[in-house]
Each structure stands twice: as C-alpha cells, then as structure tokens.
Amino acid sequence: MFTSAEEMRRVLTEKASEDSAFRAQLVADPKGVLNQEFGITVPDNIEIKVHESDMRTVHLALPPSPVLDEEQLEAVSAGLCCCGI
C-alpha cells in the first residue's frame, strides 16, 4: 500500500488536517487508527506518540539512534526487530 513510512505519515497528516474528529482519534489512539485505516497491527512493545505542533511549538522527530542496546541487538539477531514502521 505504501512505499515508505514517510508516505504513510503524509497521508495521516493530510487527513488529520482536514478532519478534526480523525485528528483527535489519531492523537488519542494512534495504534488503533493505524489498524483501522491501514490494517496495520503495531506490536505491544512499540509505542507511538503523536505530538501536535502549534504556532509556538514545533516538534522535530529524530530517527532511532544507530547504536543498538543489548536488548535491541538480541532482537535483531533473533529476527524479531522491525525498526521501520
């Protein structure tokens, strides 16, 4: 359906800009929205936070650090890591 997480983010942002009820739902339950809109089930061990910018505050999201901790290394070696939603 999407070629990248950035494309999915763009679609969500556009819809949230046009539909205030959708925006509120996305802020309150992002995992539920991803499941409802795209059929994506986000694992329980992954947290999604939606931040709303306003005229005085802009949020900048940084990608994960390239340095993995011990738990992340174990997940990768076991083939369990899915780091690009």
PDB file of N, CA and C in Angstrom:
ATOM      1  N   MET A   1       0.818  -1.186   0.000  1.00  0.00           N
ATOM      2  CA  MET A   1       0.000   0.000   0.000  1.00  0.00           C
ATOM      3  C   MET A   1       0.869   1.260   0.000  1.00  0.00           C
ATOM      4  N   PHE A   2       1.845   1.315   0.911  1.00  0.00           N
ATOM      5  CA  PHE A   2       2.751   2.457   0.976  1.00  0.00           C
ATOM      6  C   PHE A   2       4.158   2.004   0.639  1.00  0.00           C
ATOM      7  N   THR A   3       4.919   2.921   0.051  1.00  0.00           N
ATOM      8  CA  THR A   3       6.307   2.603  -0.258  1.00  0.00           C
ATOM      9  C   THR A   3       7.244   3.018   0.858  1.00  0.00           C
ATOM     10  N   SER A   4       6.740   3.841   1.803  1.00  0.00           N
ATOM     11  CA  SER A   4       7.601   4.275   2.900  1.00  0.00           C
ATOM     12  C   SER A   4       6.757   4.741   4.086  1.00  0.00           C
ATOM     13  N   ALA A   5       7.400   4.794   5.250  1.00  0.00           N
ATOM     14  CA  ALA A   5       6.750   5.335   6.439  1.00  0.00           C
ATOM     15  C   ALA A   5       6.442   6.818   6.227  1.00  0.00           C
ATOM     16  N   GLU A   6       7.292   7.506   5.493  1.00  0.00           N
ATOM     17  CA  GLU A   6       7.078   8.930   5.216  1.00  0.00           C
ATOM     18  C   GLU A   6       5.787   9.140   4.417  1.00  0.00           C
ATOM     19  N   GLU A   7       5.520   8.268   3.475  1.00  0.00           N
ATOM     20  CA  GLU A   7       4.286   8.376   2.688  1.00  0.00           C
ATOM     21  C   GLU A   7       3.065   8.145   3.584  1.00  0.00           C
ATOM     22  N   MET A   8       3.147   7.170   4.486  1.00  0.00           N
ATOM     23  CA  MET A   8       2.050   6.911   5.406  1.00  0.00           C
ATOM     24  C   MET A   8       1.840   8.118   6.328  1.00  0.00           C
ATOM     25  N   ARG A   9       2.919   8.700   6.810  1.00  0.00           N
ATOM     26  CA  ARG A   9       2.833   9.877   7.660  1.00  0.00           C
ATOM     27  C   ARG A   9       2.153  11.031   6.918  1.00  0.00           C
ATOM     28  N   ARG A  10       2.496  11.195   5.648  1.00  0.00           N
ATOM     29  CA  ARG A  10       1.901  12.258   4.832  1.00  0.00           C
ATOM     30  C   ARG A  10       0.392  12.072   4.712  1.00  0.00           C
ATOM     31  N   VAL A  11      -0.039  10.839   4.450  1.00  0.00           N
ATOM     32  CA  VAL A  11      -1.472  10.547   4.324  1.00  0.00           C
ATOM     33  C   VAL A  11      -2.195  10.833   5.642  1.00  0.00           C
ATOM     34  N   LEU A  12      -1.616  10.382   6.754  1.00  0.00           N
ATOM     35  CA  LEU A  12      -2.224  10.633   8.067  1.00  0.00           C
ATOM     36  C   LEU A  12      -2.291  12.119   8.384  1.00  0.00           C
ATOM     37  N   THR A  13      -1.219  12.842   8.086  1.00  0.00           N
ATOM     38  CA  THR A  13      -1.166  14.273   8.355  1.00  0.00           C
ATOM     39  C   THR A  13      -2.216  15.020   7.538  1.00  0.00           C
ATOM     40  N   GLU A  14      -2.341  14.676   6.267  1.00  0.00           N
ATOM     41  CA  GLU A  14      -3.337  15.330   5.413  1.00  0.00           C
ATOM     42  C   GLU A  14      -4.752  15.082   5.932  1.00  0.00           C
ATOM     43  N   LYS A  15      -5.054  13.827   6.264  1.00  0.00           N
ATOM     44  CA  LYS A  15      -6.395  13.505   6.754  1.00  0.00           C
ATOM     45  C   LYS A  15      -6.663  14.201   8.086  1.00  0.00           C
ATOM     46  N   ALA A  16      -5.662  14.229   8.975  1.00  0.00           N
ATOM     47  CA  ALA A  16      -5.824  14.886  10.273  1.00  0.00           C
ATOM     48  C   ALA A  16      -6.007  16.394  10.110  1.00  0.00           C
ATOM     49  N   SER A  17      -5.435  16.976   9.076  1.00  0.00           N
ATOM     50  CA  SER A  17      -5.580  18.408   8.823  1.00  0.00           C
ATOM     51  C   SER A  17      -6.984  18.754   8.329  1.00  0.00           C
ATOM     52  N   GLU A  18      -7.615  17.803   7.667  1.00  0.00           N
ATOM     53  CA  GLU A  18      -8.930  18.033   7.071  1.00  0.00           C
ATOM     54  C   GLU A  18     -10.088  17.592   7.964  1.00  0.00           C
ATOM     55  N   ASP A  19      -9.832  16.684   8.914  1.00  0.00           N
ATOM     56  CA  ASP A  19     -10.900  16.065   9.700  1.00  0.00           C
ATOM     57  C   ASP A  19     -10.544  16.117  11.185  1.00  0.00           C
ATOM     58  N   SER A  20     -11.185  17.030  11.917  1.00  0.00           N
ATOM     59  CA  SER A  20     -10.843  17.219  13.329  1.00  0.00           C
ATOM     60  C   SER A  20     -11.162  15.997  14.188  1.00  0.00           C
ATOM     61  N   ALA A  21     -12.196  15.254  13.850  1.00  0.00           N
ATOM     62  CA  ALA A  21     -12.520  14.035  14.612  1.00  0.00           C
ATOM     63  C   ALA A  21     -11.432  12.986  14.405  1.00  0.00           C
ATOM     64  N   PHE A  22     -10.961  12.855  13.172  1.00  0.00           N
ATOM     65  CA  PHE A  22      -9.873  11.916  12.880  1.00  0.00           C
ATOM     66  C   PHE A  22      -8.607  12.339  13.611  1.00  0.00           C
ATOM     67  N   ARG A  23      -8.334  13.642  13.615  1.00  0.00           N
ATOM     68  CA  ARG A  23      -7.152  14.168  14.302  1.00  0.00           C
ATOM     69  C   ARG A  23      -7.193  13.810  15.790  1.00  0.00           C
ATOM     70  N   ALA A  24      -8.337  14.018  16.416  1.00  0.00           N
ATOM     71  CA  ALA A  24      -8.484  13.699  17.839  1.00  0.00           C
ATOM     72  C   ALA A  24      -8.293  12.210  18.091  1.00  0.00           C
ATOM     73  N   GLN A  25      -8.834  11.390  17.210  1.00  0.00           N
ATOM     74  CA  GLN A  25      -8.688   9.941  17.349  1.00  0.00           C
ATOM     75  C   GLN A  25      -7.228   9.525  17.164  1.00  0.00           C
ATOM     76  N   LEU A  26      -6.542  10.135  16.215  1.00  0.00           N
ATOM     77  CA  LEU A  26      -5.129   9.826  15.971  1.00  0.00           C
ATOM     78  C   LEU A  26      -4.274  10.188  17.181  1.00  0.00           C
ATOM     79  N   VAL A  27      -4.555  11.310  17.808  1.00  0.00           N
ATOM     80  CA  VAL A  27      -3.812  11.722  18.998  1.00  0.00           C
ATOM     81  C   VAL A  27      -4.103  10.766  20.160  1.00  0.00           C
ATOM     82  N   ALA A  28      -5.364  10.390  20.335  1.00  0.00           N
ATOM     83  CA  ALA A  28      -5.772   9.552  21.463  1.00  0.00           C
ATOM     84  C   ALA A  28      -5.363   8.090  21.308  1.00  0.00           C
ATOM     85  N   ASP A  29      -5.421   7.562  20.079  1.00  0.00           N
ATOM     86  CA  ASP A  29      -5.179   6.129  19.870  1.00  0.00           C
ATOM     87  C   ASP A  29      -4.498   5.875  18.524  1.00  0.00           C
ATOM     88  N   PRO A  30      -3.211   6.243  18.407  1.00  0.00           N
ATOM     89  CA  PRO A  30      -2.541   6.086  17.109  1.00  0.00           C
ATOM     90  C   PRO A  30      -2.487   4.631  16.622  1.00  0.00           C
ATOM     91  N   LYS A  31      -2.289   3.683  17.526  1.00  0.00           N
ATOM     92  CA  LYS A  31      -2.245   2.272  17.102  1.00  0.00           C
ATOM     93  C   LYS A  31      -3.595   1.832  16.540  1.00  0.00           C
ATOM     94  N   GLY A  32      -4.659   2.262  17.203  1.00  0.00           N
ATOM     95  CA  GLY A  32      -6.000   1.930  16.724  1.00  0.00           C
ATOM     96  C   GLY A  32      -6.272   2.510  15.353  1.00  0.00           C
ATOM     97  N   VAL A  33      -5.820   3.741  15.130  1.00  0.00           N
ATOM     98  CA  VAL A  33      -6.009   4.394  13.832  1.00  0.00           C
ATOM     99  C   VAL A  33      -5.226   3.668  12.751  1.00  0.00           C
ATOM    100  N   LEU A  34      -3.984   3.293  13.034  1.00  0.00           N
ATOM    101  CA  LEU A  34      -3.193   2.556  12.037  1.00  0.00           C
ATOM    102  C   LEU A  34      -3.869   1.233  11.679  1.00  0.00           C
ATOM    103  N   ASN A  35      -4.452   0.586  12.665  1.00  0.00           N
ATOM    104  CA  ASN A  35      -5.142  -0.675  12.406  1.00  0.00           C
ATOM    105  C   ASN A  35      -6.413  -0.439  11.601  1.00  0.00           C
ATOM    106  N   GLN A  36      -7.182   0.553  12.008  1.00  0.00           N
ATOM    107  CA  GLN A  36      -8.451   0.853  11.346  1.00  0.00           C
ATOM    108  C   GLN A  36      -8.246   1.327   9.912  1.00  0.00           C
ATOM    109  N   GLU A  37      -7.295   2.222   9.705  1.00  0.00           N
ATOM    110  CA  GLU A  37      -7.096   2.828   8.392  1.00  0.00           C
ATOM    111  C   GLU A  37      -6.323   1.947   7.413  1.00  0.00           C
ATOM    112  N   PHE A  38      -5.307   1.214   7.933  1.00  0.00           N
ATOM    113  CA  PHE A  38      -4.398   0.513   7.037  1.00  0.00           C
ATOM    114  C   PHE A  38      -4.274  -0.982   7.317  1.00  0.00           C
ATOM    115  N   GLY A  39      -4.972  -1.461   8.355  1.00  0.00           N
ATOM    116  CA  GLY A  39      -4.870  -2.877   8.700  1.00  0.00           C
ATOM    117  C   GLY A  39      -3.533  -3.246   9.318  1.00  0.00           C
ATOM    118  N   ILE A  40      -2.847  -2.267   9.883  1.00  0.00           N
ATOM    119  CA  ILE A  40      -1.525  -2.495  10.484  1.00  0.00           C
ATOM    120  C   ILE A  40      -1.691  -2.718  11.977  1.00  0.00           C
ATOM    121  N   THR A  41      -1.183  -3.841  12.460  1.00  0.00           N
ATOM    122  CA  THR A  41      -1.186  -4.121  13.887  1.00  0.00           C
ATOM    123  C   THR A  41       0.209  -3.818  14.420  1.00  0.00           C
ATOM    124  N   VAL A  42       0.283  -2.842  15.298  1.00  0.00           N
ATOM    125  CA  VAL A  42       1.559  -2.444  15.886  1.00  0.00           C
ATOM    126  C   VAL A  42       1.784  -3.286  17.134  1.00  0.00           C
ATOM    127  N   PRO A  43       2.930  -3.952  17.235  1.00  0.00           N
ATOM    128  CA  PRO A  43       3.205  -4.795  18.406  1.00  0.00           C
ATOM    129  C   PRO A  43       3.139  -3.998  19.709  1.00  0.00           C
ATOM    130  N   ASP A  44       2.781  -4.692  20.781  1.00  0.00           N
ATOM    131  CA  ASP A  44       2.651  -4.057  22.093  1.00  0.00           C
ATOM    132  C   ASP A  44       3.952  -3.419  22.575  1.00  0.00           C
ATOM    133  N   ASN A  45       5.086  -3.952  22.139  1.00  0.00           N
ATOM    134  CA  ASN A  45       6.364  -3.423  22.620  1.00  0.00           C
ATOM    135  C   ASN A  45       6.819  -2.171  21.859  1.00  0.00           C
ATOM    136  N   ILE A  46       5.996  -1.701  20.933  1.00  0.00           N
ATOM    137  CA  ILE A  46       6.302  -0.467  20.200  1.00  0.00           C
ATOM    138  C   ILE A  46       5.294   0.588  20.613  1.00  0.00           C
ATOM    139  N   GLU A  47       5.804   1.740  21.021  1.00  0.00           N
ATOM    140  CA  GLU A  47       4.963   2.849  21.453  1.00  0.00           C
ATOM    141  C   GLU A  47       4.924   3.896  20.348  1.00  0.00           C
ATOM    142  N   ILE A  48       3.748   4.460  20.113  1.00  0.00           N
ATOM    143  CA  ILE A  48       3.599   5.532  19.128  1.00  0.00           C
ATOM    144  C   ILE A  48       3.063   6.756  19.861  1.00  0.00           C
ATOM    145  N   LYS A  49       3.736   7.872  19.696  1.00  0.00           N
ATOM    146  CA  LYS A  49       3.302   9.133  20.298  1.00  0.00           C
ATOM    147  C   LYS A  49       3.020  10.125  19.179  1.00  0.00           C
ATOM    148  N   VAL A  50       1.876  10.753  19.244  1.00  0.00           N
ATOM    149  CA  VAL A  50       1.522  11.790  18.284  1.00  0.00           C
ATOM    150  C   VAL A  50       1.631  13.124  19.000  1.00  0.00           C
ATOM    151  N   HIS A  51       2.412  14.034  18.443  1.00  0.00           N
ATOM    152  CA  HIS A  51       2.608  15.365  19.009  1.00  0.00           C
ATOM    153  C   HIS A  51       1.985  16.377  18.061  1.00  0.00           C
ATOM    154  N   GLU A  52       1.244  17.295  18.631  1.00  0.00           N
ATOM    155  CA  GLU A  52       0.644  18.349  17.820  1.00  0.00           C
ATOM    156  C   GLU A  52       1.475  19.628  17.931  1.00  0.00           C
ATOM    157  N   SER A  53       1.905  20.136  16.799  1.00  0.00           N
ATOM    158  CA  SER A  53       2.588  21.421  16.781  1.00  0.00           C
ATOM    159  C   SER A  53       1.527  22.524  16.816  1.00  0.00           C
ATOM    160  N   ASP A  54       1.913  23.674  17.322  1.00  0.00           N
ATOM    161  CA  ASP A  54       1.036  24.836  17.276  1.00  0.00           C
ATOM    162  C   ASP A  54       1.862  26.027  16.790  1.00  0.00           C
ATOM    163  N   MET A  55       1.320  27.198  16.879  1.00  0.00           N
ATOM    164  CA  MET A  55       2.013  28.375  16.355  1.00  0.00           C
ATOM    165  C   MET A  55       3.272  28.719  17.148  1.00  0.00           C
ATOM    166  N   ARG A  56       3.420  28.161  18.354  1.00  0.00           N
ATOM    167  CA  ARG A  56       4.576  28.490  19.186  1.00  0.00           C
ATOM    168  C   ARG A  56       5.476  27.303  19.458  1.00  0.00           C
ATOM    169  N   THR A  57       5.034  26.108  19.079  1.00  0.00           N
ATOM    170  CA  THR A  57       5.819  24.902  19.352  1.00  0.00           C
ATOM    171  C   THR A  57       5.860  24.026  18.111  1.00  0.00           C
ATOM    172  N   VAL A  58       7.050  23.652  17.724  1.00  0.00           N
ATOM    173  CA  VAL A  58       7.236  22.731  16.602  1.00  0.00           C
ATOM    174  C   VAL A  58       7.995  21.521  17.130  1.00  0.00           C
ATOM    175  N   HIS A  59       7.509  20.331  16.794  1.00  0.00           N
ATOM    176  CA  HIS A  59       8.151  19.095  17.226  1.00  0.00           C
ATOM    177  C   HIS A  59       9.007  18.544  16.096  1.00  0.00           C
ATOM    178  N   LEU A  60      10.203  18.149  16.431  1.00  0.00           N
ATOM    179  CA  LEU A  60      11.130  17.557  15.478  1.00  0.00           C
ATOM    180  C   LEU A  60      11.357  16.111  15.893  1.00  0.00           C
ATOM    181  N   ALA A  61      11.034  15.162  15.025  1.00  0.00           N
ATOM    182  CA  ALA A  61      11.230  13.744  15.330  1.00  0.00           C
ATOM    183  C   ALA A  61      12.547  13.275  14.733  1.00  0.00           C
ATOM    184  N   LEU A  62      13.387  12.728  15.569  1.00  0.00           N
ATOM    185  CA  LEU A  62      14.673  12.187  15.124  1.00  0.00           C
ATOM    186  C   LEU A  62      14.541  10.685  14.922  1.00  0.00           C
ATOM    187  N   PRO A  63      15.240  10.127  13.960  1.00  0.00           N
ATOM    188  CA  PRO A  63      15.207   8.675  13.769  1.00  0.00           C
ATOM    189  C   PRO A  63      15.906   7.982  14.937  1.00  0.00           C
ATOM    190  N   PRO A  64      15.681   6.687  15.083  1.00  0.00           N
ATOM    191  CA  PRO A  64      16.352   5.962  16.166  1.00  0.00           C
ATOM    192  C   PRO A  64      17.865   6.081  16.051  1.00  0.00           C
ATOM    193  N   SER A  65      18.513   6.030  17.189  1.00  0.00           N
ATOM    194  CA  SER A  65      19.969   6.066  17.218  1.00  0.00           C
ATOM    195  C   SER A  65      20.515   4.841  16.495  1.00  0.00           C
ATOM    196  N   PRO A  66      21.590   5.009  15.728  1.00  0.00           N
ATOM    197  CA  PRO A  66      22.172   3.847  15.051  1.00  0.00           C
ATOM    198  C   PRO A  66      22.876   2.900  16.017  1.00  0.00           C
ATOM    199  N   VAL A  67      23.062   3.334  17.255  1.00  0.00           N
ATOM    200  CA  VAL A  67      23.704   2.499  18.266  1.00  0.00           C
ATOM    201  C   VAL A  67      22.619   1.689  18.972  1.00  0.00           C
ATOM    202  N   LEU A  68      22.704   0.377  18.880  1.00  0.00           N
ATOM    203  CA  LEU A  68      21.703  -0.501  19.484  1.00  0.00           C
ATOM    204  C   LEU A  68      22.122  -0.918  20.882  1.00  0.00           C
ATOM    205  N   ASP A  69      21.125  -1.001  21.788  1.00  0.00           N
ATOM    206  CA  ASP A  69      21.431  -1.513  23.121  1.00  0.00           C
ATOM    207  C   ASP A  69      21.394  -3.048  23.081  1.00  0.00           C
ATOM    208  N   GLU A  70      21.704  -3.681  24.186  1.00  0.00           N
ATOM    209  CA  GLU A  70      21.805  -5.155  24.245  1.00  0.00           C
ATOM    210  C   GLU A  70      20.487  -5.828  23.861  1.00  0.00           C
ATOM    211  N   GLU A  71      19.370  -5.316  24.361  1.00  0.00           N
ATOM    212  CA  GLU A  71      18.058  -5.901  24.056  1.00  0.00           C
ATOM    213  C   GLU A  71      17.746  -5.800  22.564  1.00  0.00           C
ATOM    214  N   GLN A  72      18.068  -4.648  21.954  1.00  0.00           N
ATOM    215  CA  GLN A  72      17.826  -4.463  20.528  1.00  0.00           C
ATOM    216  C   GLN A  72      18.711  -5.385  19.698  1.00  0.00           C
ATOM    217  N   LEU A  73      19.970  -5.549  20.096  1.00  0.00           N
ATOM    218  CA  LEU A  73      20.869  -6.457  19.385  1.00  0.00           C
ATOM    219  C   LEU A  73      20.342  -7.889  19.417  1.00  0.00           C
ATOM    220  N   GLU A  74      19.830  -8.306  20.568  1.00  0.00           N
ATOM    221  CA  GLU A  74      19.269  -9.655  20.683  1.00  0.00           C
ATOM    222  C   GLU A  74      18.056  -9.817  19.775  1.00  0.00           C
ATOM    223  N   ALA A  75      17.206  -8.798  19.730  1.00  0.00           N
ATOM    224  CA  ALA A  75      16.010  -8.847  18.874  1.00  0.00           C
ATOM    225  C   ALA A  75      16.404  -8.943  17.403  1.00  0.00           C
ATOM    226  N   VAL A  76      17.397  -8.158  16.991  1.00  0.00           N
ATOM    227  CA  VAL A  76      17.853  -8.198  15.608  1.00  0.00           C
ATOM    228  C   VAL A  76      18.420  -9.569  15.269  1.00  0.00           C
ATOM    229  N   SER A  77      19.253 -10.094  16.164  1.00  0.00           N
ATOM    230  CA  SER A  77      19.872 -11.388  15.882  1.00  0.00           C
ATOM    231  C   SER A  77      18.846 -12.517  15.854  1.00  0.00           C
ATOM    232  N   ALA A  78      17.726 -12.321  16.563  1.00  0.00           N
ATOM    233  CA  ALA A  78      16.664 -13.336  16.563  1.00  0.00           C
ATOM    234  C   ALA A  78      15.672 -13.107  15.421  1.00  0.00           C
ATOM    235  N   GLY A  79      15.884 -12.059  14.662  1.00  0.00           N
ATOM    236  CA  GLY A  79      14.982 -11.747  13.540  1.00  0.00           C
ATOM    237  C   GLY A  79      13.667 -11.150  13.994  1.00  0.00           C
ATOM    238  N   LEU A  80      13.626 -10.552  15.192  1.00  0.00           N
ATOM    239  CA  LEU A  80      12.381 -10.029  15.734  1.00  0.00           C
ATOM    240  C   LEU A  80      12.229  -8.537  15.584  1.00  0.00           C
ATOM    241  N   CYS A  81      13.262  -7.858  15.173  1.00  0.00           N
ATOM    242  CA  CYS A  81      13.216  -6.399  15.141  1.00  0.00           C
ATOM    243  C   CYS A  81      12.584  -5.890  13.857  1.00  0.00           C
ATOM    244  N   CYS A  82      11.654  -5.006  14.047  1.00  0.00           N
ATOM    245  CA  CYS A  82      11.002  -4.315  12.924  1.00  0.00           C
ATOM    246  C   CYS A  82      11.143  -2.835  13.212  1.00  0.00           C
ATOM    247  N   CYS A  83      12.186  -2.217  12.718  1.00  0.00           N
ATOM    248  CA  CYS A  83      12.510  -0.849  13.136  1.00  0.00           C
ATOM    249  C   CYS A  83      11.990   0.224  12.190  1.00  0.00           C
ATOM    250  N   GLY A  84      11.260  -0.099  11.161  1.00  0.00           N
ATOM    251  CA  GLY A  84      10.814   0.938  10.230  1.00  0.00           C
ATOM    252  C   GLY A  84       9.337   0.906   9.967  1.00  0.00           C
ATOM    253  N   ILE A  85       8.557   1.411  10.916  1.00  0.00           N
ATOM    254  CA  ILE A  85       7.112   1.435  10.716  1.00  0.00           C
ATOM    255  C   ILE A  85       6.780   2.562   9.778  1.00  0.00           C
TER     256      ILE A  85
END
